Amino acid sequence: MKKTPMTISGSEQMKLELHRLKTVERPRIIQAIAEARAHGDLSENAEYHAAKEQQGFVEGRIADLDMKLSTAQIIDPKTVNANDRVVFGATLNLRDEAASQEVIYQIVGDFEANIAQGKISISSPIARALIGKELGDMVEVQVPGGVRSYEILDIRYV
């Protein structure tokens, strides 16, 4: 089975969500189904159908999280001896040369990427171009909007 890299914080967030789904959401939905069944005819019972739909979603999400966690290779960026190079889990301050602004990205696993939080997937073009580079390096990245240039201003392993 193929292992997928994941940061410790990403795995902890998934574990928290999985725990909440199993201990809070699942029992709540089971109770809602039981209450809806008590109302009689299930064929025209909107509450029953809504609860069953929620149950399907929650059970699917539980299965998805179980699969992601079971295939995860948890990596702690603090323990990686990277010799000041960009590696998985590194948090980077970059200067976007085209926009003349500084951006902060952390390179994370595919399942935990969220650009709004500054977390980019190890599989993304930007991360692939940055891996192995050092402080002060200039990196050109082919993105859907064209070529972007970044200067590496800082590398942290947190």
C-alpha atoms as a PDB file:
ATOM      1  CA  MET A   1       0.000   0.000   0.000  1.00  0.00           C
ATOM      2  CA  LYS A   2       1.373   3.408  -0.984  1.00  0.00           C
ATOM      3  CA  LYS A   3       2.219   5.668   1.953  1.00  0.00           C
ATOM      4  CA  THR A   4       1.282   9.335   1.756  1.00  0.00           C
ATOM      5  CA  PRO A   5       3.345  11.932   3.639  1.00  0.00           C
ATOM      6  CA  MET A   6       1.493  13.913   6.296  1.00  0.00           C
ATOM      7  CA  THR A   7       2.611  16.363   8.962  1.00  0.00           C
ATOM      8  CA  ILE A   8       1.937  15.688  12.635  1.00  0.00           C
ATOM      9  CA  SER A   9      -0.482  18.635  12.829  1.00  0.00           C
ATOM     10  CA  GLY A  10      -2.376  17.363   9.785  1.00  0.00           C
ATOM     11  CA  SER A  11      -2.750  13.892  11.278  1.00  0.00           C
ATOM     12  CA  GLU A  12      -3.867  15.361  14.626  1.00  0.00           C
ATOM     13  CA  GLN A  13      -6.565  17.441  12.898  1.00  0.00           C
ATOM     14  CA  MET A  14      -7.807  14.355  11.056  1.00  0.00           C
ATOM     15  CA  LYS A  15      -7.816  12.314  14.267  1.00  0.00           C
ATOM     16  CA  LEU A  16      -9.828  15.030  16.032  1.00  0.00           C
ATOM     17  CA  GLU A  17     -12.373  15.142  13.225  1.00  0.00           C
ATOM     18  CA  LEU A  18     -12.602  11.332  13.178  1.00  0.00           C
ATOM     19  CA  HIS A  19     -13.145  11.241  16.942  1.00  0.00           C
ATOM     20  CA  ARG A  20     -15.875  13.914  16.711  1.00  0.00           C
ATOM     21  CA  LEU A  21     -17.636  12.062  13.910  1.00  0.00           C
ATOM     22  CA  LYS A  22     -17.568   8.759  15.800  1.00  0.00           C
ATOM     23  CA  THR A  23     -18.454  10.053  19.267  1.00  0.00           C
ATOM     24  CA  VAL A  24     -20.742  13.014  18.553  1.00  0.00           C
ATOM     25  CA  GLU A  25     -22.178  12.953  15.033  1.00  0.00           C
ATOM     26  CA  ARG A  26     -22.771   9.214  14.634  1.00  0.00           C
ATOM     27  CA  PRO A  27     -24.761   8.876  17.924  1.00  0.00           C
ATOM     28  CA  ARG A  28     -26.713  12.068  17.138  1.00  0.00           C
ATOM     29  CA  ILE A  29     -27.737  10.717  13.735  1.00  0.00           C
ATOM     30  CA  ILE A  30     -28.662   7.298  15.158  1.00  0.00           C
ATOM     31  CA  GLN A  31     -30.902   9.075  17.672  1.00  0.00           C
ATOM     32  CA  ALA A  32     -32.478  11.189  14.891  1.00  0.00           C
ATOM     33  CA  ILE A  33     -33.208   8.038  12.849  1.00  0.00           C
ATOM     34  CA  ALA A  34     -34.786   6.352  15.861  1.00  0.00           C
ATOM     35  CA  GLU A  35     -36.997   9.388  16.521  1.00  0.00           C
ATOM     36  CA  ALA A  36     -38.028   9.606  12.869  1.00  0.00           C
ATOM     37  CA  ARG A  37     -38.923   5.895  12.827  1.00  0.00           C
ATOM     38  CA  ALA A  38     -41.171   6.461  15.825  1.00  0.00           C
ATOM     39  CA  HIS A  39     -43.284   8.829  13.715  1.00  0.00           C
ATOM     40  CA  GLY A  40     -44.561   5.946  11.608  1.00  0.00           C
ATOM     41  CA  ASP A  41     -44.650   5.688   7.789  1.00  0.00           C
ATOM     42  CA  LEU A  42     -41.049   5.981   6.587  1.00  0.00           C
ATOM     43  CA  SER A  43     -41.875   6.419   2.901  1.00  0.00           C
ATOM     44  CA  GLU A  44     -43.129   9.984   3.440  1.00  0.00           C
ATOM     45  CA  ASN A  45     -41.013  10.872   6.463  1.00  0.00           C
ATOM     46  CA  ALA A  46     -38.680  13.750   5.494  1.00  0.00           C
ATOM     47  CA  GLU A  47     -36.832  13.689   8.823  1.00  0.00           C
ATOM     48  CA  TYR A  48     -36.022  10.003   8.367  1.00  0.00           C
ATOM     49  CA  HIS A  49     -34.697  10.505   4.832  1.00  0.00           C
ATOM     50  CA  ALA A  50     -32.643  13.541   5.894  1.00  0.00           C
ATOM     51  CA  ALA A  51     -31.137  11.603   8.823  1.00  0.00           C
ATOM     52  CA  LYS A  52     -30.307   8.639   6.562  1.00  0.00           C
ATOM     53  CA  GLU A  53     -28.640  10.998   4.101  1.00  0.00           C
ATOM     54  CA  GLN A  54     -26.583  12.544   6.927  1.00  0.00           C
ATOM     55  CA  GLN A  55     -25.684   9.057   8.121  1.00  0.00           C
ATOM     56  CA  GLY A  56     -24.386   8.156   4.664  1.00  0.00           C
ATOM     57  CA  PHE A  57     -22.279  11.307   4.535  1.00  0.00           C
ATOM     58  CA  VAL A  58     -20.828  10.802   8.028  1.00  0.00           C
ATOM     59  CA  GLU A  59     -20.059   7.113   7.447  1.00  0.00           C
ATOM     60  CA  GLY A  60     -18.380   7.988   4.135  1.00  0.00           C
ATOM     61  CA  ARG A  61     -16.276  10.671   5.812  1.00  0.00           C
ATOM     62  CA  ILE A  62     -15.295   8.257   8.610  1.00  0.00           C
ATOM     63  CA  ALA A  63     -14.186   5.687   6.031  1.00  0.00           C
ATOM     64  CA  ASP A  64     -12.271   8.376   4.108  1.00  0.00           C
ATOM     65  CA  LEU A  65     -10.439   9.596   7.225  1.00  0.00           C
ATOM     66  CA  ASP A  66      -9.675   6.017   8.332  1.00  0.00           C
ATOM     67  CA  MET A  67      -8.145   5.309   4.908  1.00  0.00           C
ATOM     68  CA  LYS A  68      -6.087   8.518   4.871  1.00  0.00           C
ATOM     69  CA  LEU A  69      -4.745   7.925   8.375  1.00  0.00           C
ATOM     70  CA  SER A  70      -3.966   4.270   7.704  1.00  0.00           C
ATOM     71  CA  THR A  71      -1.858   5.159   4.641  1.00  0.00           C
ATOM     72  CA  ALA A  72      -0.189   8.195   6.219  1.00  0.00           C
ATOM     73  CA  GLN A  73       3.535   8.408   6.749  1.00  0.00           C
ATOM     74  CA  ILE A  74       3.675  10.914   9.606  1.00  0.00           C
ATOM     75  CA  ILE A  75       6.663  13.251   9.368  1.00  0.00           C
ATOM     76  CA  ASP A  76       7.693  15.728  12.057  1.00  0.00           C
ATOM     77  CA  PRO A  77       9.427  18.675  10.315  1.00  0.00           C
ATOM     78  CA  LYS A  78      11.257  19.535  13.573  1.00  0.00           C
ATOM     79  CA  THR A  79      13.160  16.239  13.484  1.00  0.00           C
ATOM     80  CA  VAL A  80      14.188  16.336   9.827  1.00  0.00           C
ATOM     81  CA  ASN A  81      17.862  17.089   9.280  1.00  0.00           C
ATOM     82  CA  ALA A  82      17.457  19.176   6.133  1.00  0.00           C
ATOM     83  CA  ASN A  83      20.720  21.151   6.238  1.00  0.00           C
ATOM     84  CA  ASP A  84      18.814  24.385   5.530  1.00  0.00           C
ATOM     85  CA  ARG A  85      17.190  22.973   2.401  1.00  0.00           C
ATOM     86  CA  VAL A  86      13.509  23.008   1.527  1.00  0.00           C
ATOM     87  CA  VAL A  87      11.958  19.664   2.445  1.00  0.00           C
ATOM     88  CA  PHE A  88       8.515  18.265   3.225  1.00  0.00           C
ATOM     89  CA  GLY A  89       6.994  20.118   6.178  1.00  0.00           C
ATOM     90  CA  ALA A  90       9.164  23.219   5.806  1.00  0.00           C
ATOM     91  CA  THR A  91       7.531  26.613   6.281  1.00  0.00           C
ATOM     92  CA  LEU A  92       8.839  29.158   3.809  1.00  0.00           C
ATOM     93  CA  ASN A  93       8.785  32.898   3.469  1.00  0.00           C
ATOM     94  CA  LEU A  94       8.943  33.682  -0.235  1.00  0.00           C
ATOM     95  CA  ARG A  95       8.984  36.899  -2.215  1.00  0.00           C
ATOM     96  CA  ASP A  96       6.658  36.645  -5.177  1.00  0.00           C
ATOM     97  CA  GLU A  97       8.638  38.690  -7.696  1.00  0.00           C
ATOM     98  CA  ALA A  98       5.664  39.388 -10.010  1.00  0.00           C
ATOM     99  CA  ALA A  99       3.391  40.655  -7.239  1.00  0.00           C
ATOM    100  CA  SER A 100       6.258  42.203  -5.225  1.00  0.00           C
ATOM    101  CA  GLN A 101       4.856  40.731  -2.043  1.00  0.00           C
ATOM    102  CA  GLU A 102       5.893  38.205   0.567  1.00  0.00           C
ATOM    103  CA  VAL A 103       3.978  34.934   0.919  1.00  0.00           C
ATOM    104  CA  ILE A 104       4.266  32.197   3.532  1.00  0.00           C
ATOM    105  CA  TYR A 105       3.729  28.559   2.579  1.00  0.00           C
ATOM    106  CA  GLN A 106       4.137  25.276   4.401  1.00  0.00           C
ATOM    107  CA  ILE A 107       4.718  22.187   2.265  1.00  0.00           C
ATOM    108  CA  VAL A 108       2.290  19.509   3.464  1.00  0.00           C
ATOM    109  CA  GLY A 109       0.709  16.257   2.294  1.00  0.00           C
ATOM    110  CA  ASP A 110      -1.958  16.082  -0.387  1.00  0.00           C
ATOM    111  CA  PHE A 111      -4.762  15.445   2.131  1.00  0.00           C
ATOM    112  CA  GLU A 112      -3.985  18.459   4.316  1.00  0.00           C
ATOM    113  CA  ALA A 113      -3.300  21.112   1.667  1.00  0.00           C
ATOM    114  CA  ASN A 114      -5.308  24.321   2.028  1.00  0.00           C
ATOM    115  CA  ILE A 115      -4.078  27.363   0.121  1.00  0.00           C
ATOM    116  CA  ALA A 116      -6.227  29.705   2.247  1.00  0.00           C
ATOM    117  CA  GLN A 117      -4.168  28.587   5.270  1.00  0.00           C
ATOM    118  CA  GLY A 118      -0.886  28.792   3.342  1.00  0.00           C
ATOM    119  CA  LYS A 119      -0.502  25.005   3.162  1.00  0.00           C
ATOM    120  CA  ILE A 120       0.526  23.755  -0.263  1.00  0.00           C
ATOM    121  CA  SER A 121       0.581  20.147  -1.381  1.00  0.00           C
ATOM    122  CA  ILE A 122       3.887  18.370  -1.860  1.00  0.00           C
ATOM    123  CA  SER A 123       2.492  17.470  -5.319  1.00  0.00           C
ATOM    124  CA  SER A 124       1.860  21.085  -6.360  1.00  0.00           C
ATOM    125  CA  PRO A 125       4.091  22.683  -9.010  1.00  0.00           C
ATOM    126  CA  ILE A 126       5.316  25.302  -6.525  1.00  0.00           C
ATOM    127  CA  ALA A 127       6.315  22.729  -3.880  1.00  0.00           C
ATOM    128  CA  ARG A 128       7.991  20.470  -6.446  1.00  0.00           C
ATOM    129  CA  ALA A 129      10.054  23.424  -7.691  1.00  0.00           C
ATOM    130  CA  LEU A 130      11.028  24.457  -4.137  1.00  0.00           C
ATOM    131  CA  ILE A 131      12.090  21.034  -2.812  1.00  0.00           C
ATOM    132  CA  GLY A 132      15.863  20.862  -2.395  1.00  0.00           C
ATOM    133  CA  LYS A 133      16.439  24.603  -2.775  1.00  0.00           C
ATOM    134  CA  GLU A 134      18.259  26.756  -0.204  1.00  0.00           C
ATOM    135  CA  LEU A 135      17.878  30.145   1.447  1.00  0.00           C
ATOM    136  CA  GLY A 136      18.322  32.967  -1.083  1.00  0.00           C
ATOM    137  CA  ASP A 137      17.655  30.766  -4.129  1.00  0.00           C
ATOM    138  CA  MET A 138      15.419  32.046  -6.921  1.00  0.00           C
ATOM    139  CA  VAL A 139      12.846  29.572  -8.170  1.00  0.00           C
ATOM    140  CA  GLU A 140      10.817  29.784 -11.356  1.00  0.00           C
ATOM    141  CA  VAL A 141       7.581  27.832 -11.381  1.00  0.00           C
ATOM    142  CA  GLN A 142       5.320  27.057 -14.328  1.00  0.00           C
ATOM    143  CA  VAL A 143       1.754  27.577 -13.054  1.00  0.00           C
ATOM    144  CA  PRO A 144      -1.512  27.705 -14.999  1.00  0.00           C
ATOM    145  CA  GLY A 145      -1.256  31.507 -15.174  1.00  0.00           C
ATOM    146  CA  GLY A 146       2.282  31.465 -16.569  1.00  0.00           C
ATOM    147  CA  VAL A 147       5.746  31.487 -14.998  1.00  0.00           C
ATOM    148  CA  ARG A 148       6.089  32.773 -11.413  1.00  0.00           C
ATOM    149  CA  SER A 149       9.408  33.658  -9.765  1.00  0.00           C
ATOM    150  CA  TYR A 150       9.997  33.312  -6.038  1.00  0.00           C
ATOM    151  CA  GLU A 151      12.980  34.161  -3.857  1.00  0.00           C
ATOM    152  CA  ILE A 152      13.386  32.051  -0.708  1.00  0.00           C
ATOM    153  CA  LEU A 153      13.671  34.503   2.200  1.00  0.00           C
ATOM    154  CA  ASP A 154      13.375  32.112   5.151  1.00  0.00           C
ATOM    155  CA  ILE A 155      13.090  28.377   5.821  1.00  0.00           C
ATOM    156  CA  ARG A 156      11.688  27.071   9.126  1.00  0.00           C
ATOM    157  CA  TYR A 157      10.994  23.534  10.312  1.00  0.00           C
ATOM    158  CA  VAL A 158       8.118  23.877  12.781  1.00  0.00           C
END
